[in-house]
Amino acid sequence: MGIGDDIRNKAQEATGKAKEFIGDKTGDADLQGEGVRDRTESGIRQAADSVREKAGDAADSLREGAEGLKAKAEGLIGGAKDAGEDR
């Protein structure tokens, strides 16, 4: 998710709010419906972007944890080999 996506989503949300407001004040149900649709689409995109970002963060954390475990395991294996050679 980039800043361009954020701007597009916020612009669509604002446009939707304006259409909904104008449609409500003028009695134009179609325009009001378009506004609701625009705001809903924007909300869905924002939620999807947030999920995508959090999933990426979780994957990064898992990768870092796995690398840490690998390093510890290699250290234990190396220590065990050294202890075996000392005998």
PDB file of N, CA and C in Angstrom:
ATOM      1  N   MET A   1       0.851  -1.169   0.000  1.00  0.00           N
ATOM      2  CA  MET A   1       0.000   0.000   0.000  1.00  0.00           C
ATOM      3  C   MET A   1       0.893   1.227   0.000  1.00  0.00           C
ATOM      4  N   GLY A   2       0.710   2.065  -0.998  1.00  0.00           N
ATOM      5  CA  GLY A   2       1.515   3.263  -1.072  1.00  0.00           C
ATOM      6  C   GLY A   2       0.702   4.497  -0.751  1.00  0.00           C
ATOM      7  N   ILE A   3       1.393   5.604  -0.740  1.00  0.00           N
ATOM      8  CA  ILE A   3       0.726   6.864  -0.428  1.00  0.00           C
ATOM      9  C   ILE A   3      -0.309   7.218  -1.492  1.00  0.00           C
ATOM     10  N   GLY A   4      -0.050   6.802  -2.732  1.00  0.00           N
ATOM     11  CA  GLY A   4      -1.019   7.041  -3.804  1.00  0.00           C
ATOM     12  C   GLY A   4      -2.336   6.326  -3.542  1.00  0.00           C
ATOM     13  N   ASP A   5      -2.240   5.092  -3.021  1.00  0.00           N
ATOM     14  CA  ASP A   5      -3.451   4.343  -2.670  1.00  0.00           C
ATOM     15  C   ASP A   5      -4.203   5.029  -1.539  1.00  0.00           C
ATOM     16  N   ASP A   6      -3.449   5.506  -0.544  1.00  0.00           N
ATOM     17  CA  ASP A   6      -4.081   6.215   0.574  1.00  0.00           C
ATOM     18  C   ASP A   6      -4.844   7.435   0.079  1.00  0.00           C
ATOM     19  N   ILE A   7      -4.204   8.197  -0.795  1.00  0.00           N
ATOM     20  CA  ILE A   7      -4.828   9.411  -1.316  1.00  0.00           C
ATOM     21  C   ILE A   7      -6.072   9.064  -2.126  1.00  0.00           C
ATOM     22  N   ARG A   8      -5.947   8.035  -2.978  1.00  0.00           N
ATOM     23  CA  ARG A   8      -7.099   7.623  -3.787  1.00  0.00           C
ATOM     24  C   ARG A   8      -8.266   7.176  -2.907  1.00  0.00           C
ATOM     25  N   ASN A   9      -7.967   6.385  -1.884  1.00  0.00           N
ATOM     26  CA  ASN A   9      -9.024   5.906  -0.995  1.00  0.00           C
ATOM     27  C   ASN A   9      -9.689   7.045  -0.230  1.00  0.00           C
ATOM     28  N   LYS A  10      -8.891   7.970   0.266  1.00  0.00           N
ATOM     29  CA  LYS A  10      -9.455   9.106   1.009  1.00  0.00           C
ATOM     30  C   LYS A  10     -10.273  10.003   0.084  1.00  0.00           C
ATOM     31  N   ALA A  11      -9.804  10.189  -1.144  1.00  0.00           N
ATOM     32  CA  ALA A  11     -10.553  11.004  -2.108  1.00  0.00           C
ATOM     33  C   ALA A  11     -11.883  10.339  -2.437  1.00  0.00           C
ATOM     34  N   GLN A  12     -11.867   9.018  -2.619  1.00  0.00           N
ATOM     35  CA  GLN A  12     -13.110   8.306  -2.914  1.00  0.00           C
ATOM     36  C   GLN A  12     -14.064   8.381  -1.722  1.00  0.00           C
ATOM     37  N   GLU A  13     -13.511   8.286  -0.531  1.00  0.00           N
ATOM     38  CA  GLU A  13     -14.344   8.380   0.671  1.00  0.00           C
ATOM     39  C   GLU A  13     -14.988   9.767   0.758  1.00  0.00           C
ATOM     40  N   ALA A  14     -14.199  10.818   0.520  1.00  0.00           N
ATOM     41  CA  ALA A  14     -14.725  12.183   0.578  1.00  0.00           C
ATOM     42  C   ALA A  14     -15.775  12.416  -0.511  1.00  0.00           C
ATOM     43  N   THR A  15     -15.511  11.914  -1.700  1.00  0.00           N
ATOM     44  CA  THR A  15     -16.473  12.045  -2.800  1.00  0.00           C
ATOM     45  C   THR A  15     -17.768  11.329  -2.444  1.00  0.00           C
ATOM     46  N   GLY A  16     -17.635  10.152  -1.862  1.00  0.00           N
ATOM     47  CA  GLY A  16     -18.810   9.388  -1.457  1.00  0.00           C
ATOM     48  C   GLY A  16     -19.640  10.134  -0.422  1.00  0.00           C
ATOM     49  N   LYS A  17     -18.954  10.730   0.547  1.00  0.00           N
ATOM     50  CA  LYS A  17     -19.667  11.500   1.574  1.00  0.00           C
ATOM     51  C   LYS A  17     -20.407  12.678   0.951  1.00  0.00           C
ATOM     52  N   ALA A  18     -19.743  13.351   0.011  1.00  0.00           N
ATOM     53  CA  ALA A  18     -20.371  14.497  -0.648  1.00  0.00           C
ATOM     54  C   ALA A  18     -21.586  14.056  -1.460  1.00  0.00           C
ATOM     55  N   LYS A  19     -21.443  12.989  -2.226  1.00  0.00           N
ATOM     56  CA  LYS A  19     -22.571  12.495  -3.027  1.00  0.00           C
ATOM     57  C   LYS A  19     -23.729  12.080  -2.120  1.00  0.00           C
ATOM     58  N   GLU A  20     -23.403  11.406  -1.053  1.00  0.00           N
ATOM     59  CA  GLU A  20     -24.444  10.954  -0.137  1.00  0.00           C
ATOM     60  C   GLU A  20     -25.174  12.151   0.479  1.00  0.00           C
ATOM     61  N   PHE A  21     -24.430  13.153   0.892  1.00  0.00           N
ATOM     62  CA  PHE A  21     -25.012  14.350   1.495  1.00  0.00           C
ATOM     63  C   PHE A  21     -25.893  15.094   0.496  1.00  0.00           C
ATOM     64  N   ILE A  22     -25.349  15.334  -0.698  1.00  0.00           N
ATOM     65  CA  ILE A  22     -26.117  16.069  -1.717  1.00  0.00           C
ATOM     66  C   ILE A  22     -27.346  15.278  -2.134  1.00  0.00           C
ATOM     67  N   GLY A  23     -27.186  13.979  -2.312  1.00  0.00           N
ATOM     68  CA  GLY A  23     -28.320  13.141  -2.670  1.00  0.00           C
ATOM     69  C   GLY A  23     -29.402  13.169  -1.607  1.00  0.00           C
ATOM     70  N   ASP A  24     -28.980  13.165  -0.349  1.00  0.00           N
ATOM     71  CA  ASP A  24     -29.934  13.221   0.756  1.00  0.00           C
ATOM     72  C   ASP A  24     -30.664  14.563   0.782  1.00  0.00           C
ATOM     73  N   LYS A  25     -29.933  15.644   0.598  1.00  0.00           N
ATOM     74  CA  LYS A  25     -30.525  16.986   0.681  1.00  0.00           C
ATOM     75  C   LYS A  25     -31.411  17.310  -0.520  1.00  0.00           C
ATOM     76  N   THR A  26     -31.100  16.715  -1.668  1.00  0.00           N
ATOM     77  CA  THR A  26     -31.892  17.003  -2.874  1.00  0.00           C
ATOM     78  C   THR A  26     -32.951  15.938  -3.159  1.00  0.00           C
ATOM     79  N   GLY A  27     -32.948  14.897  -2.355  1.00  0.00           N
ATOM     80  CA  GLY A  27     -33.912  13.822  -2.579  1.00  0.00           C
ATOM     81  C   GLY A  27     -33.543  12.907  -3.737  1.00  0.00           C
ATOM     82  N   ASP A  28     -32.296  12.942  -4.147  1.00  0.00           N
ATOM     83  CA  ASP A  28     -31.817  12.104  -5.251  1.00  0.00           C
ATOM     84  C   ASP A  28     -31.285  10.789  -4.673  1.00  0.00           C
ATOM     85  N   ALA A  29     -32.141   9.783  -4.645  1.00  0.00           N
ATOM     86  CA  ALA A  29     -31.771   8.502  -4.047  1.00  0.00           C
ATOM     87  C   ALA A  29     -30.633   7.823  -4.805  1.00  0.00           C
ATOM     88  N   ASP A  30     -30.591   8.014  -6.128  1.00  0.00           N
ATOM     89  CA  ASP A  30     -29.511   7.401  -6.912  1.00  0.00           C
ATOM     90  C   ASP A  30     -28.153   7.986  -6.525  1.00  0.00           C
ATOM     91  N   LEU A  31     -28.091   9.304  -6.406  1.00  0.00           N
ATOM     92  CA  LEU A  31     -26.840   9.964  -6.030  1.00  0.00           C
ATOM     93  C   LEU A  31     -26.451   9.565  -4.608  1.00  0.00           C
ATOM     94  N   GLN A  32     -27.425   9.513  -3.733  1.00  0.00           N
ATOM     95  CA  GLN A  32     -27.146   9.096  -2.361  1.00  0.00           C
ATOM     96  C   GLN A  32     -26.595   7.667  -2.355  1.00  0.00           C
ATOM     97  N   GLY A  33     -27.188   6.794  -3.147  1.00  0.00           N
ATOM     98  CA  GLY A  33     -26.719   5.411  -3.244  1.00  0.00           C
ATOM     99  C   GLY A  33     -25.304   5.318  -3.784  1.00  0.00           C
ATOM    100  N   GLU A  34     -24.998   6.162  -4.780  1.00  0.00           N
ATOM    101  CA  GLU A  34     -23.625   6.194  -5.306  1.00  0.00           C
ATOM    102  C   GLU A  34     -22.647   6.586  -4.215  1.00  0.00           C
ATOM    103  N   GLY A  35     -23.057   7.540  -3.409  1.00  0.00           N
ATOM    104  CA  GLY A  35     -22.195   7.987  -2.313  1.00  0.00           C
ATOM    105  C   GLY A  35     -21.934   6.874  -1.313  1.00  0.00           C
ATOM    106  N   VAL A  36     -22.983   6.151  -0.968  1.00  0.00           N
ATOM    107  CA  VAL A  36     -22.827   5.026  -0.042  1.00  0.00           C
ATOM    108  C   VAL A  36     -21.903   3.986  -0.656  1.00  0.00           C
ATOM    109  N   ARG A  37     -22.088   3.704  -1.944  1.00  0.00           N
ATOM    110  CA  ARG A  37     -21.239   2.718  -2.627  1.00  0.00           C
ATOM    111  C   ARG A  37     -19.778   3.174  -2.637  1.00  0.00           C
ATOM    112  N   ASP A  38     -19.548   4.447  -2.950  1.00  0.00           N
ATOM    113  CA  ASP A  38     -18.175   4.968  -2.978  1.00  0.00           C
ATOM    114  C   ASP A  38     -17.515   4.844  -1.605  1.00  0.00           C
ATOM    115  N   ARG A  39     -18.244   5.220  -0.554  1.00  0.00           N
ATOM    116  CA  ARG A  39     -17.677   5.132   0.794  1.00  0.00           C
ATOM    117  C   ARG A  39     -17.412   3.682   1.185  1.00  0.00           C
ATOM    118  N   THR A  40     -18.322   2.794   0.811  1.00  0.00           N
ATOM    119  CA  THR A  40     -18.148   1.374   1.138  1.00  0.00           C
ATOM    120  C   THR A  40     -16.939   0.800   0.416  1.00  0.00           C
ATOM    121  N   GLU A  41     -16.798   1.086  -0.881  1.00  0.00           N
ATOM    122  CA  GLU A  41     -15.635   0.604  -1.637  1.00  0.00           C
ATOM    123  C   GLU A  41     -14.343   1.120  -1.027  1.00  0.00           C
ATOM    124  N   SER A  42     -14.340   2.394  -0.649  1.00  0.00           N
ATOM    125  CA  SER A  42     -13.153   2.981  -0.046  1.00  0.00           C
ATOM    126  C   SER A  42     -12.816   2.283   1.269  1.00  0.00           C
ATOM    127  N   GLY A  43     -13.824   2.016   2.069  1.00  0.00           N
ATOM    128  CA  GLY A  43     -13.600   1.335   3.342  1.00  0.00           C
ATOM    129  C   GLY A  43     -13.056  -0.067   3.149  1.00  0.00           C
ATOM    130  N   ILE A  44     -13.588  -0.762   2.164  1.00  0.00           N
ATOM    131  CA  ILE A  44     -13.108  -2.119   1.880  1.00  0.00           C
ATOM    132  C   ILE A  44     -11.650  -2.078   1.425  1.00  0.00           C
ATOM    133  N   ARG A  45     -11.324  -1.144   0.557  1.00  0.00           N
ATOM    134  CA  ARG A  45      -9.927  -1.026   0.092  1.00  0.00           C
ATOM    135  C   ARG A  45      -8.992  -0.713   1.255  1.00  0.00           C
ATOM    136  N   GLN A  46      -9.424   0.209   2.121  1.00  0.00           N
ATOM    137  CA  GLN A  46      -8.586   0.570   3.261  1.00  0.00           C
ATOM    138  C   GLN A  46      -8.388  -0.624   4.195  1.00  0.00           C
ATOM    139  N   ALA A  47      -9.450  -1.389   4.418  1.00  0.00           N
ATOM    140  CA  ALA A  47      -9.339  -2.581   5.272  1.00  0.00           C
ATOM    141  C   ALA A  47      -8.415  -3.610   4.632  1.00  0.00           C
ATOM    142  N   ALA A  48      -8.543  -3.814   3.328  1.00  0.00           N
ATOM    143  CA  ALA A  48      -7.688  -4.782   2.629  1.00  0.00           C
ATOM    144  C   ALA A  48      -6.230  -4.344   2.685  1.00  0.00           C
ATOM    145  N   ASP A  49      -5.983  -3.057   2.513  1.00  0.00           N
ATOM    146  CA  ASP A  49      -4.616  -2.540   2.593  1.00  0.00           C
ATOM    147  C   ASP A  49      -4.036  -2.769   3.990  1.00  0.00           C
ATOM    148  N   SER A  50      -4.859  -2.545   5.007  1.00  0.00           N
ATOM    149  CA  SER A  50      -4.415  -2.744   6.383  1.00  0.00           C
ATOM    150  C   SER A  50      -4.086  -4.213   6.648  1.00  0.00           C
ATOM    151  N   VAL A  51      -4.942  -5.113   6.178  1.00  0.00           N
ATOM    152  CA  VAL A  51      -4.697  -6.550   6.354  1.00  0.00           C
ATOM    153  C   VAL A  51      -3.419  -6.950   5.633  1.00  0.00           C
ATOM    154  N   ARG A  52      -3.238  -6.450   4.413  1.00  0.00           N
ATOM    155  CA  ARG A  52      -2.040  -6.776   3.634  1.00  0.00           C
ATOM    156  C   ARG A  52      -0.779  -6.298   4.372  1.00  0.00           C
ATOM    157  N   GLU A  53      -0.838  -5.103   4.930  1.00  0.00           N
ATOM    158  CA  GLU A  53       0.303  -4.548   5.653  1.00  0.00           C
ATOM    159  C   GLU A  53       0.604  -5.370   6.912  1.00  0.00           C
ATOM    160  N   LYS A  54      -0.453  -5.727   7.653  1.00  0.00           N
ATOM    161  CA  LYS A  54      -0.251  -6.507   8.878  1.00  0.00           C
ATOM    162  C   LYS A  54       0.249  -7.911   8.570  1.00  0.00           C
ATOM    163  N   ALA A  55      -0.218  -8.498   7.496  1.00  0.00           N
ATOM    164  CA  ALA A  55       0.260  -9.823   7.094  1.00  0.00           C
ATOM    165  C   ALA A  55       1.744  -9.763   6.741  1.00  0.00           C
ATOM    166  N   GLY A  56       2.143  -8.706   6.065  1.00  0.00           N
ATOM    167  CA  GLY A  56       3.561  -8.532   5.738  1.00  0.00           C
ATOM    168  C   GLY A  56       4.409  -8.375   6.987  1.00  0.00           C
ATOM    169  N   ASP A  57       3.895  -7.605   7.962  1.00  0.00           N
ATOM    170  CA  ASP A  57       4.611  -7.429   9.223  1.00  0.00           C
ATOM    171  C   ASP A  57       4.737  -8.757   9.967  1.00  0.00           C
ATOM    172  N   ALA A  58       3.653  -9.539   9.971  1.00  0.00           N
ATOM    173  CA  ALA A  58       3.678 -10.846  10.645  1.00  0.00           C
ATOM    174  C   ALA A  58       4.671 -11.777   9.968  1.00  0.00           C
ATOM    175  N   ALA A  59       4.693 -11.771   8.650  1.00  0.00           N
ATOM    176  CA  ALA A  59       5.639 -12.621   7.913  1.00  0.00           C
ATOM    177  C   ALA A  59       7.076 -12.214   8.234  1.00  0.00           C
ATOM    178  N   ASP A  60       7.331 -10.913   8.317  1.00  0.00           N
ATOM    179  CA  ASP A  60       8.671 -10.441   8.666  1.00  0.00           C
ATOM    180  C   ASP A  60       9.065 -10.911  10.064  1.00  0.00           C
ATOM    181  N   SER A  61       8.129 -10.820  11.007  1.00  0.00           N
ATOM    182  CA  SER A  61       8.414 -11.262  12.380  1.00  0.00           C
ATOM    183  C   SER A  61       8.704 -12.756  12.434  1.00  0.00           C
ATOM    184  N   LEU A  62       7.912 -13.539  11.701  1.00  0.00           N
ATOM    185  CA  LEU A  62       8.149 -14.986  11.665  1.00  0.00           C
ATOM    186  C   LEU A  62       9.510 -15.310  11.054  1.00  0.00           C
ATOM    187  N   ARG A  63       9.849 -14.594   9.991  1.00  0.00           N
ATOM    188  CA  ARG A  63      11.135 -14.822   9.331  1.00  0.00           C
ATOM    189  C   ARG A  63      12.283 -14.515  10.291  1.00  0.00           C
ATOM    190  N   GLU A  64      12.164 -13.397  11.014  1.00  0.00           N
ATOM    191  CA  GLU A  64      13.213 -13.025  11.967  1.00  0.00           C
ATOM    192  C   GLU A  64      13.320 -14.052  13.091  1.00  0.00           C
ATOM    193  N   GLY A  65      12.167 -14.523  13.573  1.00  0.00           N
ATOM    194  CA  GLY A  65      12.170 -15.539  14.625  1.00  0.00           C
ATOM    195  C   GLY A  65      12.797 -16.828  14.157  1.00  0.00           C
ATOM    196  N   ALA A  66      12.481 -17.230  12.938  1.00  0.00           N
ATOM    197  CA  ALA A  66      13.052 -18.460  12.382  1.00  0.00           C
ATOM    198  C   ALA A  66      14.560 -18.336  12.225  1.00  0.00           C
ATOM    199  N   GLU A  67      15.014 -17.174  11.798  1.00  0.00           N
ATOM    200  CA  GLU A  67      16.456 -16.966  11.648  1.00  0.00           C
ATOM    201  C   GLU A  67      17.151 -17.035  13.005  1.00  0.00           C
ATOM    202  N   GLY A  68      16.504 -16.481  14.032  1.00  0.00           N
ATOM    203  CA  GLY A  68      17.066 -16.543  15.384  1.00  0.00           C
ATOM    204  C   GLY A  68      17.144 -17.976  15.896  1.00  0.00           C
ATOM    205  N   LEU A  69      16.089 -18.740  15.663  1.00  0.00           N
ATOM    206  CA  LEU A  69      16.094 -20.147  16.078  1.00  0.00           C
ATOM    207  C   LEU A  69      17.158 -20.941  15.338  1.00  0.00           C
ATOM    208  N   LYS A  70      17.318 -20.648  14.058  1.00  0.00           N
ATOM    209  CA  LYS A  70      18.330 -21.348  13.266  1.00  0.00           C
ATOM    210  C   LYS A  70      19.723 -21.071  13.827  1.00  0.00           C
ATOM    211  N   ALA A  71      19.977 -19.813  14.172  1.00  0.00           N
ATOM    212  CA  ALA A  71      21.288 -19.447  14.714  1.00  0.00           C
ATOM    213  C   ALA A  71      21.531 -20.151  16.052  1.00  0.00           C
ATOM    214  N   LYS A  72      20.497 -20.217  16.899  1.00  0.00           N
ATOM    215  CA  LYS A  72      20.652 -20.911  18.181  1.00  0.00           C
ATOM    216  C   LYS A  72      20.915 -22.395  17.970  1.00  0.00           C
ATOM    217  N   ALA A  73      20.173 -23.000  17.048  1.00  0.00           N
ATOM    218  CA  ALA A  73      20.356 -24.427  16.769  1.00  0.00           C
ATOM    219  C   ALA A  73      21.765 -24.692  16.245  1.00  0.00           C
ATOM    220  N   GLU A  74      22.232 -23.835  15.362  1.00  0.00           N
ATOM    221  CA  GLU A  74      23.588 -24.012  14.835  1.00  0.00           C
ATOM    222  C   GLU A  74      24.616 -23.879  15.944  1.00  0.00           C
ATOM    223  N   GLY A  75      24.381 -22.956  16.867  1.00  0.00           N
ATOM    224  CA  GLY A  75      25.287 -22.801  18.003  1.00  0.00           C
ATOM    225  C   GLY A  75      25.288 -24.028  18.897  1.00  0.00           C
ATOM    226  N   LEU A  76      24.112 -24.590  19.150  1.00  0.00           N
ATOM    227  CA  LEU A  76      24.026 -25.801  19.970  1.00  0.00           C
ATOM    228  C   LEU A  76      24.697 -26.984  19.285  1.00  0.00           C
ATOM    229  N   ILE A  77      24.476 -27.107  17.985  1.00  0.00           N
ATOM    230  CA  ILE A  77      25.102 -28.201  17.235  1.00  0.00           C
ATOM    231  C   ILE A  77      26.620 -28.055  17.246  1.00  0.00           C
ATOM    232  N   GLY A  78      27.075 -26.837  17.032  1.00  0.00           N
ATOM    233  CA  GLY A  78      28.520 -26.586  17.056  1.00  0.00           C
ATOM    234  C   GLY A  78      29.110 -26.883  18.422  1.00  0.00           C
ATOM    235  N   GLY A  79      28.391 -26.517  19.481  1.00  0.00           N
ATOM    236  CA  GLY A  79      28.858 -26.798  20.842  1.00  0.00           C
ATOM    237  C   GLY A  79      28.893 -28.285  21.129  1.00  0.00           C
ATOM    238  N   ALA A  80      27.898 -29.001  20.644  1.00  0.00           N
ATOM    239  CA  ALA A  80      27.857 -30.455  20.851  1.00  0.00           C
ATOM    240  C   ALA A  80      29.004 -31.124  20.107  1.00  0.00           C
ATOM    241  N   LYS A  81      29.295 -30.657  18.903  1.00  0.00           N
ATOM    242  CA  LYS A  81      30.407 -31.234  18.131  1.00  0.00           C
ATOM    243  C   LYS A  81      31.727 -30.985  18.851  1.00  0.00           C
ATOM    244  N   ASP A  82      31.890 -29.758  19.373  1.00  0.00           N
ATOM    245  CA  ASP A  82      33.120 -29.433  20.076  1.00  0.00           C
ATOM    246  C   ASP A  82      33.266 -30.284  21.333  1.00  0.00           C
ATOM    247  N   ALA A  83      32.184 -30.501  22.044  1.00  0.00           N
ATOM    248  CA  ALA A  83      32.225 -31.328  23.249  1.00  0.00           C
ATOM    249  C   ALA A  83      32.576 -32.774  22.888  1.00  0.00           C
ATOM    250  N   GLY A  84      32.078 -33.255  21.781  1.00  0.00           N
ATOM    251  CA  GLY A  84      32.384 -34.622  21.338  1.00  0.00           C
ATOM    252  C   GLY A  84      33.838 -34.771  20.927  1.00  0.00           C
ATOM    253  N   GLU A  85      34.415 -33.746  20.360  1.00  0.00           N
ATOM    254  CA  GLU A  85      35.807 -33.804  19.918  1.00  0.00           C
ATOM    255  C   GLU A  85      36.765 -33.754  21.116  1.00  0.00           C
ATOM    256  N   ASP A  86      36.325 -33.133  22.203  1.00  0.00           N
ATOM    257  CA  ASP A  86      37.177 -33.024  23.392  1.00  0.00           C
ATOM    258  C   ASP A  86      37.338 -34.355  24.086  1.00  0.00           C
ATOM    259  N   ARG A  87      36.514 -35.321  23.809  1.00  0.00           N
ATOM    260  CA  ARG A  87      36.580 -36.625  24.499  1.00  0.00           C
ATOM    261  C   ARG A  87      37.680 -37.457  24.012  1.00  0.00           C
TER     262      ARG A  87
END
